[in-house]
Amino acid sequence: MQVRLTALCLCASGMLVPAMAQDSLHTIGLDETIISANKFEENKKNIAQSIQVINRKQIEWMMPQTSATLLEQTGNVFVQRSQAGGGSPVLRGFEASRVLLVVDGVRQNNAIYRAGHLQNVITIDNNILDRVEVLYGPSSTLYGSDALGGVVLFNTKRPQLSETGKMTVGGNAMVRYSSAYGEQTGHADVNLGFKNFASLTSVTASRFGDLKQGTERSADMDSLGLRYNYVTQINGVDSMVANPDPEKQIQSGYDQIDVLQKFLYRQNDKLTHQVNLQFSNSTNIPRYDRLTEYRNGKLRFAEWYYGPQLRTLAGYRLEARNLNGLVDEVNVGINYQMIEESRYQRNYGNNNLQARIEKVNVIGYNVDGRRRMGRHELIVGLDGQYNDVKSEAHNRNIKTEVEAPLDTRYPSGGSKMMYGAIYGQHIYKIVADKLILNDGVRLNYVDLNAKFTDKTFFPFPYSEAKQQHLAASGNLGLVYMPAKDWRVVLNGATGFRAPNVDDLAKVFESAGGGMLVVPNPDLKPEHTYNLDLGIAYSSGERFKAEVTGFYTWFRNAIVTDKFKLGGADSIMYNGKMTAVMASQNKATANVLGFNAAITVGIEKGLSLYSTINYTYGRYKGLNGVEVPLDHIPPVYGKTSLIYNRKNFTGEFFALYNGWKKVADYSPSGEDNLVYATPAGMPSWYTLNIRAGYMFNAHFGAELAIENILDRNYRVFASGISAPGRNLVATLRARL
């Protein structure tokens, strides 16, 4: 057996520019990055859509606690949190079910992805990622429903075959500690390579304690976020007790384990088979924002947590290359996912623990082919997904263990949702390296059937909800490179999102308990029409500047508004008269904004990068009054100074957010004004430093101090305060 020793590389660049070669540390010129955002590998300069690539070295360098933290530290993706075990990415003012998550080519958005805030991204293990690609703007031509704000493509490492024909062994190990999170993470992966067969095994285990917020607070923050009391049981009785350390956000910690197993078999020079198995599970995850709510002078909830968040995936993929026929390359995939999510809540002083459990089984497939014909490149494909949702609920007395029926979150008779589509994407190099056309079209069919068999708790005026939608989307873009250092892009694209089971048929109580959202079977698909204009200029290896502006027309936008159920605008729910709300299609919404970035090579090994993002959104309600659209972040960005020399890499950077004034909060409640100050969410910035050193070919270490000034702040729309001063230490080893 030959053991292949691979040098440990800890020299990474932080997050430099969206245009960056996959294995490089820092690319300032107009790049030649190879990406897979087009379903097949493609030169990035040929793609009209705005794309950011985060490579493996950068992922290791940022030492992120979760994949949500990874996206946040780019400075170009806004992330909302309702609890420490969460993270909801926002792209161009779109969030949750309007942003598509894809792992190894498999769409993660399922029929119960909600439009509010999601934590599903943390089930993707960042320690085994090879690359992340963020596609900004509507991407429905290639990826179908939900890709309104964009797509986040997570690509895990690929099993490596032996280059010598003899068995090779490669591996990585990592341990990480972070003080503000009380984090203890361990990771190991092992690759066994043979001539035509390879196996990759990965395991990551994490333990997160209660999150510690910053101690240095501005006058604008006042006492927001301080945890003065929490609920615990003393002698079997709910009791409010004082928190000896109000900066410590008690009841925010959780544990998680992630396992990946991949097998790769190379049948011959043309055919490769791959099996992909993934498993992610957690302990109970406290819903921290709800646990801080007060009612009548006391904490409202004694318990509110998500049950173990289970995600499993089993997929098979066939790759065919160098074919002699109608297509040159083909990818064929079939996959199965089983997802389980649950919610448990119990009011203070009440022995009844409410449990609502959702199980989703998903089957998906895709067939993609590419043909190159001179200056033309054509990609065509079929894809589809079938969702089966089962919803259960019960009320359990924690003293007597007696269970009683409870209203389910989704229809008690089950729900089924099916996607099916055919698409074509075309690239035409009108003038090689000068003028390139991107165009494509997609036809998508969606079928949904939800059954309301139990009307004990709500007298729904219907027994089932059926929907069938046929939606078309397309894109047309032009890339113009008048000179070597200039690149101008004009890109138009449409997107759509079909109402899913969560939009159409759920029942839930909004933050603060003042509103009850009920089903609305009359929903229609959302559509967006987007225009991008981007300009980039580079001067050799010393300077690069780029700016992209966008404008999105959002039609049939689904927002939560006042509603009537059986003619009543309020009903009795959980012993309280509660206003009735429902998801509804509003007439119009408009979102606009820009991203600007600059990179300067100061001298050899030293560079400066800065990025800023601005988004503005408004919609007209049913009454014609224009109000702020939800999920619109304030101005945000990142500025970074990076030094890289031999075995050492260092970075000093700042992350920052502008004010979100109360007048800019959406009236829907999705922006969580209840968890902000009376004036909105104050602006903030953090100063951070990190360094990495490679001791030899096999061992290295990284050390970071985040939020050096220990500033107290909370990210817009979040229900938990951000970490204070955070010491992060990582040790790595590699064969």
Foldseek 3Di string as FASTA:
>chain_A
DDADFFFDDQFAAAQFDQADAQPDRDDFFRHQHWDCPVVRTDGPLQDQFRKGKQFPSNLSNVPAPFVLSVVVSNFQWDWFALFPLATWTAAQLATWLLEWEAEQNRTPDDQQTARFGGRVRRQDHSNQFGMKMWTAAADCQPPNFNQGGTYIYTYGDDADADPVQDKYKKKKWKWKAKDQFRKTKIKMKMWIHHHFKIKIKIKMKMWTAFGFAFDAEDPQQPCFFFCQWFWDDDPNAIDIDGDPGRRGLHQRIWMKMKIKMKMWGDPDPFKIKMKIKIKMKIAKGFSSLQRRDDDPRHRFWNGKTKHIWIKIKIKMKMWGACDDDPFGIKIKMKMKMKTKIKIWTGTHRGQKIKIKIKIKIKIKIKMWTWHDDPQKIKIKMKMKMKIKMAMAIWIARNVPRDIDGDDHFFANVIKMKMKIKIKMWMWGCPDPPFKIKIKMKMKMKMKMKGARPDCPPPVFPDGMAIDIDIDMWMKIKMWGDPDSFKIKIKIKIKHKHANGRNQAAGWDAAPPRAEIEGGDSPQGMKMKIKIKIKMKGGDPRFKIKMKMKMKMKIAQDWAKDQDDGPNDQWDQDPNDTHGYIHIGGAGIKMKIWMKIKMKGDPDVQKIKIKMKIAMFMWGQGPVRDIAADPSGFAIWGKIKIWGDDDFKIKMKMKTWGAFDFPRNHGPRCSQVQVSDRPGFFHIDMAIKMKMKGRPTRFKIKMKMWTRVVSYWGDGTSYSHTDHGTMIMIMIMGID
